[in-house]
Amino acid sequence: MPSSKNYKRNYKREAAIETPERKGLRAERNKAHRAFVKMFGVLPSGYDVDHKQELGKGGSNRLSNLRKQKASENRSYPRNKKGRMK
């Protein structure tokens, strides 16, 4: 995602160029979120449902593979001590 201060995402363009594989993974993530909420209730504000093992790396939507994690941790990239991406 660009870091420009006034950047606005073009969601229509993103949807038009999305591959079937990415659509499938997004559908699986949405399905996992619904299952987690159904089992444990609504997540507090600022939290996401995280896959311990990513779907793209062979993970599943089983409840044993899901956990509650802060959105800031779940959506960020690994960083080094200086705050730069690894």
PDB file of N, CA and C in Angstrom:
ATOM      1  N   MET A   1       0.846  -1.165   0.000  1.00  0.00           N
ATOM      2  CA  MET A   1       0.000   0.000   0.000  1.00  0.00           C
ATOM      3  C   MET A   1       0.899   1.237   0.000  1.00  0.00           C
ATOM      4  N   PRO A   2       0.683   2.155  -0.907  1.00  0.00           N
ATOM      5  CA  PRO A   2       1.509   3.364  -0.953  1.00  0.00           C
ATOM      6  C   PRO A   2       1.393   4.170   0.343  1.00  0.00           C
ATOM      7  N   SER A   3       2.483   4.835   0.672  1.00  0.00           N
ATOM      8  CA  SER A   3       2.498   5.569   1.936  1.00  0.00           C
ATOM      9  C   SER A   3       2.258   7.064   1.748  1.00  0.00           C
ATOM     10  N   SER A   4       1.844   7.474   0.568  1.00  0.00           N
ATOM     11  CA  SER A   4       1.586   8.879   0.307  1.00  0.00           C
ATOM     12  C   SER A   4       0.468   9.378   1.216  1.00  0.00           C
ATOM     13  N   LYS A   5       0.626  10.567   1.734  1.00  0.00           N
ATOM     14  CA  LYS A   5      -0.317  11.117   2.716  1.00  0.00           C
ATOM     15  C   LYS A   5      -1.740  11.242   2.163  1.00  0.00           C
ATOM     16  N   ASN A   6      -1.902  11.683   0.943  1.00  0.00           N
ATOM     17  CA  ASN A   6      -3.225  11.908   0.363  1.00  0.00           C
ATOM     18  C   ASN A   6      -3.672  10.793  -0.582  1.00  0.00           C
ATOM     19  N   TYR A   7      -3.041   9.634  -0.490  1.00  0.00           N
ATOM     20  CA  TYR A   7      -3.362   8.515  -1.375  1.00  0.00           C
ATOM     21  C   TYR A   7      -4.759   7.988  -1.080  1.00  0.00           C
ATOM     22  N   LYS A   8      -5.521   7.754  -2.135  1.00  0.00           N
ATOM     23  CA  LYS A   8      -6.854   7.160  -2.005  1.00  0.00           C
ATOM     24  C   LYS A   8      -6.886   5.904  -2.854  1.00  0.00           C
ATOM     25  N   ARG A   9      -7.338   4.795  -2.257  1.00  0.00           N
ATOM     26  CA  ARG A   9      -7.383   3.524  -2.979  1.00  0.00           C
ATOM     27  C   ARG A   9      -8.505   3.530  -4.006  1.00  0.00           C
ATOM     28  N   ASN A  10      -8.251   2.917  -5.135  1.00  0.00           N
ATOM     29  CA  ASN A  10      -9.241   2.765  -6.191  1.00  0.00           C
ATOM     30  C   ASN A  10      -9.795   1.341  -6.088  1.00  0.00           C
ATOM     31  N   TYR A  11     -10.849   1.176  -5.302  1.00  0.00           N
ATOM     32  CA  TYR A  11     -11.389  -0.144  -5.035  1.00  0.00           C
ATOM     33  C   TYR A  11     -11.971  -0.801  -6.287  1.00  0.00           C
ATOM     34  N   LYS A  12     -12.563  -0.023  -7.179  1.00  0.00           N
ATOM     35  CA  LYS A  12     -13.117  -0.593  -8.409  1.00  0.00           C
ATOM     36  C   LYS A  12     -12.012  -1.211  -9.253  1.00  0.00           C
ATOM     37  N   ARG A  13     -10.890  -0.510  -9.362  1.00  0.00           N
ATOM     38  CA  ARG A  13      -9.769  -1.029 -10.151  1.00  0.00           C
ATOM     39  C   ARG A  13      -9.191  -2.284  -9.491  1.00  0.00           C
ATOM     40  N   GLU A  14      -9.056  -2.262  -8.174  1.00  0.00           N
ATOM     41  CA  GLU A  14      -8.530  -3.417  -7.457  1.00  0.00           C
ATOM     42  C   GLU A  14      -9.416  -4.645  -7.676  1.00  0.00           C
ATOM     43  N   ALA A  15     -10.727  -4.446  -7.631  1.00  0.00           N
ATOM     44  CA  ALA A  15     -11.649  -5.563  -7.838  1.00  0.00           C
ATOM     45  C   ALA A  15     -11.570  -6.082  -9.267  1.00  0.00           C
ATOM     46  N   ALA A  16     -11.361  -5.194 -10.222  1.00  0.00           N
ATOM     47  CA  ALA A  16     -11.316  -5.591 -11.630  1.00  0.00           C
ATOM     48  C   ALA A  16     -10.082  -6.430 -11.948  1.00  0.00           C
ATOM     49  N   ILE A  17      -8.968  -6.172 -11.258  1.00  0.00           N
ATOM     50  CA  ILE A  17      -7.737  -6.903 -11.585  1.00  0.00           C
ATOM     51  C   ILE A  17      -7.439  -8.033 -10.595  1.00  0.00           C
ATOM     52  N   GLU A  18      -8.341  -8.276  -9.652  1.00  0.00           N
ATOM     53  CA  GLU A  18      -8.109  -9.332  -8.669  1.00  0.00           C
ATOM     54  C   GLU A  18      -8.181 -10.707  -9.334  1.00  0.00           C
ATOM     55  N   THR A  19      -7.209 -11.551  -9.026  1.00  0.00           N
ATOM     56  CA  THR A  19      -7.152 -12.881  -9.621  1.00  0.00           C
ATOM     57  C   THR A  19      -8.127 -13.823  -8.911  1.00  0.00           C
ATOM     58  N   PRO A  20      -8.541 -14.880  -9.587  1.00  0.00           N
ATOM     59  CA  PRO A  20      -9.432 -15.853  -8.949  1.00  0.00           C
ATOM     60  C   PRO A  20      -8.808 -16.474  -7.696  1.00  0.00           C
ATOM     61  N   GLU A  21      -7.496 -16.661  -7.696  1.00  0.00           N
ATOM     62  CA  GLU A  21      -6.830 -17.236  -6.528  1.00  0.00           C
ATOM     63  C   GLU A  21      -6.962 -16.308  -5.319  1.00  0.00           C
ATOM     64  N   ARG A  22      -6.741 -15.010  -5.528  1.00  0.00           N
ATOM     65  CA  ARG A  22      -6.874 -14.052  -4.429  1.00  0.00           C
ATOM     66  C   ARG A  22      -8.314 -13.952  -3.954  1.00  0.00           C
ATOM     67  N   LYS A  23      -9.272 -14.029  -4.891  1.00  0.00           N
ATOM     68  CA  LYS A  23     -10.685 -13.996  -4.498  1.00  0.00           C
ATOM     69  C   LYS A  23     -11.010 -15.182  -3.605  1.00  0.00           C
ATOM     70  N   GLY A  24     -10.474 -16.349  -3.963  1.00  0.00           N
ATOM     71  CA  GLY A  24     -10.715 -17.551  -3.172  1.00  0.00           C
ATOM     72  C   GLY A  24     -10.134 -17.448  -1.774  1.00  0.00           C
ATOM     73  N   LEU A  25      -8.906 -16.931  -1.668  1.00  0.00           N
ATOM     74  CA  LEU A  25      -8.284 -16.771  -0.356  1.00  0.00           C
ATOM     75  C   LEU A  25      -9.039 -15.751   0.489  1.00  0.00           C
ATOM     76  N   ARG A  26      -9.503 -14.670  -0.135  1.00  0.00           N
ATOM     77  CA  ARG A  26     -10.274 -13.661   0.594  1.00  0.00           C
ATOM     78  C   ARG A  26     -11.580 -14.269   1.112  1.00  0.00           C
ATOM     79  N   ALA A  27     -12.226 -15.092   0.284  1.00  0.00           N
ATOM     80  CA  ALA A  27     -13.462 -15.757   0.703  1.00  0.00           C
ATOM     81  C   ALA A  27     -13.192 -16.687   1.884  1.00  0.00           C
ATOM     82  N   GLU A  28     -12.050 -17.387   1.866  1.00  0.00           N
ATOM     83  CA  GLU A  28     -11.698 -18.275   2.967  1.00  0.00           C
ATOM     84  C   GLU A  28     -11.434 -17.491   4.252  1.00  0.00           C
ATOM     85  N   ARG A  29     -10.778 -16.338   4.145  1.00  0.00           N
ATOM     86  CA  ARG A  29     -10.527 -15.511   5.328  1.00  0.00           C
ATOM     87  C   ARG A  29     -11.845 -14.992   5.907  1.00  0.00           C
ATOM     88  N   ASN A  30     -12.763 -14.574   5.045  1.00  0.00           N
ATOM     89  CA  ASN A  30     -14.076 -14.107   5.510  1.00  0.00           C
ATOM     90  C   ASN A  30     -14.846 -15.235   6.196  1.00  0.00           C
ATOM     91  N   LYS A  31     -14.740 -16.434   5.632  1.00  0.00           N
ATOM     92  CA  LYS A  31     -15.404 -17.606   6.201  1.00  0.00           C
ATOM     93  C   LYS A  31     -14.842 -17.922   7.594  1.00  0.00           C
ATOM     94  N   ALA A  32     -13.529 -17.816   7.748  1.00  0.00           N
ATOM     95  CA  ALA A  32     -12.884 -18.062   9.035  1.00  0.00           C
ATOM     96  C   ALA A  32     -13.342 -17.032  10.062  1.00  0.00           C
ATOM     97  N   HIS A  33     -13.448 -15.781   9.650  1.00  0.00           N
ATOM     98  CA  HIS A  33     -13.890 -14.723  10.563  1.00  0.00           C
ATOM     99  C   HIS A  33     -15.309 -15.002  11.054  1.00  0.00           C
ATOM    100  N   ARG A  34     -16.186 -15.379  10.143  1.00  0.00           N
ATOM    101  CA  ARG A  34     -17.573 -15.682  10.538  1.00  0.00           C
ATOM    102  C   ARG A  34     -17.630 -16.852  11.517  1.00  0.00           C
ATOM    103  N   ALA A  35     -16.825 -17.901  11.266  1.00  0.00           N
ATOM    104  CA  ALA A  35     -16.817 -19.072  12.146  1.00  0.00           C
ATOM    105  C   ALA A  35     -16.287 -18.708  13.535  1.00  0.00           C
ATOM    106  N   PHE A  36     -15.235 -17.894  13.580  1.00  0.00           N
ATOM    107  CA  PHE A  36     -14.652 -17.478  14.864  1.00  0.00           C
ATOM    108  C   PHE A  36     -15.653 -16.659  15.665  1.00  0.00           C
ATOM    109  N   VAL A  37     -16.315 -15.721  15.008  1.00  0.00           N
ATOM    110  CA  VAL A  37     -17.307 -14.879  15.686  1.00  0.00           C
ATOM    111  C   VAL A  37     -18.492 -15.713  16.168  1.00  0.00           C
ATOM    112  N   LYS A  38     -18.890 -16.680  15.375  1.00  0.00           N
ATOM    113  CA  LYS A  38     -20.014 -17.538  15.769  1.00  0.00           C
ATOM    114  C   LYS A  38     -19.664 -18.342  17.029  1.00  0.00           C
ATOM    115  N   MET A  39     -18.410 -18.783  17.123  1.00  0.00           N
ATOM    116  CA  MET A  39     -17.991 -19.613  18.243  1.00  0.00           C
ATOM    117  C   MET A  39     -17.683 -18.787  19.496  1.00  0.00           C
ATOM    118  N   PHE A  40     -16.995 -17.643  19.345  1.00  0.00           N
ATOM    119  CA  PHE A  40     -16.499 -16.891  20.492  1.00  0.00           C
ATOM    120  C   PHE A  40     -17.155 -15.535  20.698  1.00  0.00           C
ATOM    121  N   GLY A  41     -18.012 -15.131  19.808  1.00  0.00           N
ATOM    122  CA  GLY A  41     -18.659 -13.832  19.945  1.00  0.00           C
ATOM    123  C   GLY A  41     -17.908 -12.742  19.196  1.00  0.00           C
ATOM    124  N   VAL A  42     -18.457 -11.544  19.233  1.00  0.00           N
ATOM    125  CA  VAL A  42     -17.909 -10.417  18.484  1.00  0.00           C
ATOM    126  C   VAL A  42     -16.540 -10.038  19.038  1.00  0.00           C
ATOM    127  N   LEU A  43     -15.613  -9.746  18.138  1.00  0.00           N
ATOM    128  CA  LEU A  43     -14.269  -9.333  18.537  1.00  0.00           C
ATOM    129  C   LEU A  43     -14.284  -7.907  19.069  1.00  0.00           C
ATOM    130  N   PRO A  44     -13.449  -7.612  20.058  1.00  0.00           N
ATOM    131  CA  PRO A  44     -13.335  -6.225  20.525  1.00  0.00           C
ATOM    132  C   PRO A  44     -12.768  -5.344  19.411  1.00  0.00           C
ATOM    133  N   SER A  45     -13.023  -4.073  19.501  1.00  0.00           N
ATOM    134  CA  SER A  45     -12.513  -3.137  18.502  1.00  0.00           C
ATOM    135  C   SER A  45     -10.990  -3.192  18.484  1.00  0.00           C
ATOM    136  N   GLY A  46     -10.420  -3.196  17.282  1.00  0.00           N
ATOM    137  CA  GLY A  46      -8.969  -3.202  17.142  1.00  0.00           C
ATOM    138  C   GLY A  46      -8.362  -4.589  17.064  1.00  0.00           C
ATOM    139  N   TYR A  47      -9.202  -5.629  16.954  1.00  0.00           N
ATOM    140  CA  TYR A  47      -8.697  -6.998  16.859  1.00  0.00           C
ATOM    141  C   TYR A  47      -9.140  -7.642  15.546  1.00  0.00           C
ATOM    142  N   ASP A  48      -8.316  -8.576  15.060  1.00  0.00           N
ATOM    143  CA  ASP A  48      -8.604  -9.353  13.860  1.00  0.00           C
ATOM    144  C   ASP A  48      -8.560 -10.833  14.200  1.00  0.00           C
ATOM    145  N   VAL A  49      -9.119 -11.644  13.303  1.00  0.00           N
ATOM    146  CA  VAL A  49      -8.941 -13.086  13.383  1.00  0.00           C
ATOM    147  C   VAL A  49      -7.703 -13.404  12.559  1.00  0.00           C
ATOM    148  N   ASP A  50      -6.743 -14.094  13.175  1.00  0.00           N
ATOM    149  CA  ASP A  50      -5.472 -14.408  12.531  1.00  0.00           C
ATOM    150  C   ASP A  50      -5.367 -15.911  12.338  1.00  0.00           C
ATOM    151  N   HIS A  51      -4.782 -16.324  11.219  1.00  0.00           N
ATOM    152  CA  HIS A  51      -4.457 -17.726  10.987  1.00  0.00           C
ATOM    153  C   HIS A  51      -3.047 -17.964  11.510  1.00  0.00           C
ATOM    154  N   LYS A  52      -2.884 -18.928  12.413  1.00  0.00           N
ATOM    155  CA  LYS A  52      -1.546 -19.239  12.928  1.00  0.00           C
ATOM    156  C   LYS A  52      -0.646 -19.673  11.772  1.00  0.00           C
ATOM    157  N   GLN A  53      -1.160 -20.571  10.932  1.00  0.00           N
ATOM    158  CA  GLN A  53      -0.458 -20.949   9.704  1.00  0.00           C
ATOM    159  C   GLN A  53      -1.270 -20.379   8.551  1.00  0.00           C
ATOM    160  N   GLU A  54      -0.643 -19.560   7.739  1.00  0.00           N
ATOM    161  CA  GLU A  54      -1.346 -18.847   6.670  1.00  0.00           C
ATOM    162  C   GLU A  54      -2.042 -19.801   5.700  1.00  0.00           C
ATOM    163  N   LEU A  55      -3.163 -19.353   5.156  1.00  0.00           N
ATOM    164  CA  LEU A  55      -3.880 -20.159   4.176  1.00  0.00           C
ATOM    165  C   LEU A  55      -3.001 -20.434   2.965  1.00  0.00           C
ATOM    166  N   GLY A  56      -2.241 -19.437   2.545  1.00  0.00           N
ATOM    167  CA  GLY A  56      -1.367 -19.587   1.378  1.00  0.00           C
ATOM    168  C   GLY A  56      -0.220 -20.541   1.605  1.00  0.00           C
ATOM    169  N   LYS A  57       0.047 -20.882   2.867  1.00  0.00           N
ATOM    170  CA  LYS A  57       1.134 -21.801   3.190  1.00  0.00           C
ATOM    171  C   LYS A  57       0.607 -23.113   3.753  1.00  0.00           C
ATOM    172  N   GLY A  58      -0.627 -23.452   3.388  1.00  0.00           N
ATOM    173  CA  GLY A  58      -1.181 -24.740   3.773  1.00  0.00           C
ATOM    174  C   GLY A  58      -2.032 -24.739   5.021  1.00  0.00           C
ATOM    175  N   GLY A  59      -2.313 -23.584   5.594  1.00  0.00           N
ATOM    176  CA  GLY A  59      -3.154 -23.504   6.784  1.00  0.00           C
ATOM    177  C   GLY A  59      -4.613 -23.788   6.463  1.00  0.00           C
ATOM    178  N   SER A  60      -5.413 -23.906   7.508  1.00  0.00           N
ATOM    179  CA  SER A  60      -6.832 -24.211   7.317  1.00  0.00           C
ATOM    180  C   SER A  60      -7.682 -23.231   8.119  1.00  0.00           C
ATOM    181  N   ASN A  61      -8.986 -23.387   7.996  1.00  0.00           N
ATOM    182  CA  ASN A  61      -9.931 -22.558   8.744  1.00  0.00           C
ATOM    183  C   ASN A  61     -10.424 -23.246  10.006  1.00  0.00           C
ATOM    184  N   ARG A  62      -9.743 -24.301  10.439  1.00  0.00           N
ATOM    185  CA  ARG A  62     -10.128 -24.965  11.684  1.00  0.00           C
ATOM    186  C   ARG A  62      -9.936 -23.998  12.838  1.00  0.00           C
ATOM    187  N   LEU A  63     -10.769 -24.110  13.843  1.00  0.00           N
ATOM    188  CA  LEU A  63     -10.677 -23.215  14.999  1.00  0.00           C
ATOM    189  C   LEU A  63      -9.327 -23.334  15.696  1.00  0.00           C
ATOM    190  N   SER A  64      -8.687 -24.500  15.610  1.00  0.00           N
ATOM    191  CA  SER A  64      -7.374 -24.671  16.232  1.00  0.00           C
ATOM    192  C   SER A  64      -6.302 -23.848  15.523  1.00  0.00           C
ATOM    193  N   ASN A  65      -6.567 -23.429  14.294  1.00  0.00           N
ATOM    194  CA  ASN A  65      -5.603 -22.627  13.525  1.00  0.00           C
ATOM    195  C   ASN A  65      -5.932 -21.131  13.588  1.00  0.00           C
ATOM    196  N   LEU A  66      -6.991 -20.752  14.291  1.00  0.00           N
ATOM    197  CA  LEU A  66      -7.397 -19.351  14.367  1.00  0.00           C
ATOM    198  C   LEU A  66      -7.117 -18.785  15.754  1.00  0.00           C
ATOM    199  N   ARG A  67      -6.815 -17.495  15.789  1.00  0.00           N
ATOM    200  CA  ARG A  67      -6.612 -16.818  17.060  1.00  0.00           C
ATOM    201  C   ARG A  67      -6.978 -15.356  16.918  1.00  0.00           C
ATOM    202  N   LYS A  68      -7.240 -14.729  18.062  1.00  0.00           N
ATOM    203  CA  LYS A  68      -7.522 -13.297  18.104  1.00  0.00           C
ATOM    204  C   LYS A  68      -6.185 -12.586  18.221  1.00  0.00           C
ATOM    205  N   GLN A  69      -5.976 -11.546  17.380  1.00  0.00           N
ATOM    206  CA  GLN A  69      -4.726 -10.806  17.420  1.00  0.00           C
ATOM    207  C   GLN A  69      -4.999  -9.332  17.151  1.00  0.00           C
ATOM    208  N   LYS A  70      -4.191  -8.462  17.753  1.00  0.00           N
ATOM    209  CA  LYS A  70      -4.358  -7.035  17.516  1.00  0.00           C
ATOM    210  C   LYS A  70      -4.203  -6.750  16.029  1.00  0.00           C
ATOM    211  N   ALA A  71      -5.045  -5.876  15.505  1.00  0.00           N
ATOM    212  CA  ALA A  71      -5.014  -5.549  14.081  1.00  0.00           C
ATOM    213  C   ALA A  71      -3.667  -4.961  13.683  1.00  0.00           C
ATOM    214  N   SER A  72      -3.078  -4.149  14.542  1.00  0.00           N
ATOM    215  CA  SER A  72      -1.792  -3.531  14.214  1.00  0.00           C
ATOM    216  C   SER A  72      -0.698  -4.574  14.052  1.00  0.00           C
ATOM    217  N   GLU A  73      -0.766  -5.678  14.788  1.00  0.00           N
ATOM    218  CA  GLU A  73       0.219  -6.749  14.656  1.00  0.00           C
ATOM    219  C   GLU A  73      -0.099  -7.644  13.469  1.00  0.00           C
ATOM    220  N   ASN A  74      -1.379  -7.908  13.255  1.00  0.00           N
ATOM    221  CA  ASN A  74      -1.788  -8.820  12.200  1.00  0.00           C
ATOM    222  C   ASN A  74      -1.579  -8.226  10.808  1.00  0.00           C
ATOM    223  N   ARG A  75      -1.668  -6.929  10.671  1.00  0.00           N
ATOM    224  CA  ARG A  75      -1.602  -6.295   9.356  1.00  0.00           C
ATOM    225  C   ARG A  75      -0.235  -5.715   9.030  1.00  0.00           C
ATOM    226  N   SER A  76       0.726  -5.837   9.916  1.00  0.00           N
ATOM    227  CA  SER A  76       2.031  -5.241   9.652  1.00  0.00           C
ATOM    228  C   SER A  76       3.014  -6.290   9.143  1.00  0.00           C
ATOM    229  N   TYR A  77       4.116  -5.818   8.601  1.00  0.00           N
ATOM    230  CA  TYR A  77       5.168  -6.684   8.100  1.00  0.00           C
ATOM    231  C   TYR A  77       6.242  -6.824   9.173  1.00  0.00           C
ATOM    232  N   PRO A  78       7.011  -7.919   9.136  1.00  0.00           N
ATOM    233  CA  PRO A  78       8.115  -8.048  10.095  1.00  0.00           C
ATOM    234  C   PRO A  78       9.095  -6.894   9.935  1.00  0.00           C
ATOM    235  N   ARG A  79       9.558  -6.366  11.040  1.00  0.00           N
ATOM    236  CA  ARG A  79      10.459  -5.215  11.009  1.00  0.00           C
ATOM    237  C   ARG A  79      11.728  -5.504  11.794  1.00  0.00           C
ATOM    238  N   ASN A  80      12.811  -4.790  11.428  1.00  0.00           N
ATOM    239  CA  ASN A  80      14.057  -4.917  12.179  1.00  0.00           C
ATOM    240  C   ASN A  80      14.059  -3.923  13.330  1.00  0.00           C
ATOM    241  N   LYS A  81      15.179  -3.817  14.060  1.00  0.00           N
ATOM    242  CA  LYS A  81      15.243  -2.955  15.237  1.00  0.00           C
ATOM    243  C   LYS A  81      15.073  -1.489  14.897  1.00  0.00           C
ATOM    244  N   LYS A  82      15.412  -1.086  13.677  1.00  0.00           N
ATOM    245  CA  LYS A  82      15.296   0.319  13.264  1.00  0.00           C
ATOM    246  C   LYS A  82      13.898   0.644  12.729  1.00  0.00           C
ATOM    247  N   GLY A  83      13.018  -0.338  12.671  1.00  0.00           N
ATOM    248  CA  GLY A  83      11.664  -0.120  12.206  1.00  0.00           C
ATOM    249  C   GLY A  83      11.481  -0.324  10.710  1.00  0.00           C
ATOM    250  N   ARG A  84      12.534  -0.721  10.036  1.00  0.00           N
ATOM    251  CA  ARG A  84      12.426  -0.984   8.590  1.00  0.00           C
ATOM    252  C   ARG A  84      11.958  -2.406   8.346  1.00  0.00           C
ATOM    253  N   MET A  85      11.333  -2.598   7.193  1.00  0.00           N
ATOM    254  CA  MET A  85      10.853  -3.936   6.849  1.00  0.00           C
ATOM    255  C   MET A  85      12.028  -4.873   6.613  1.00  0.00           C
ATOM    256  N   LYS A  86      11.882  -6.117   7.060  1.00  0.00           N
ATOM    257  CA  LYS A  86      12.932  -7.132   6.852  1.00  0.00           C
ATOM    258  C   LYS A  86      12.920  -7.615   5.432  1.00  0.00           C
TER     259      LYS A  86
END
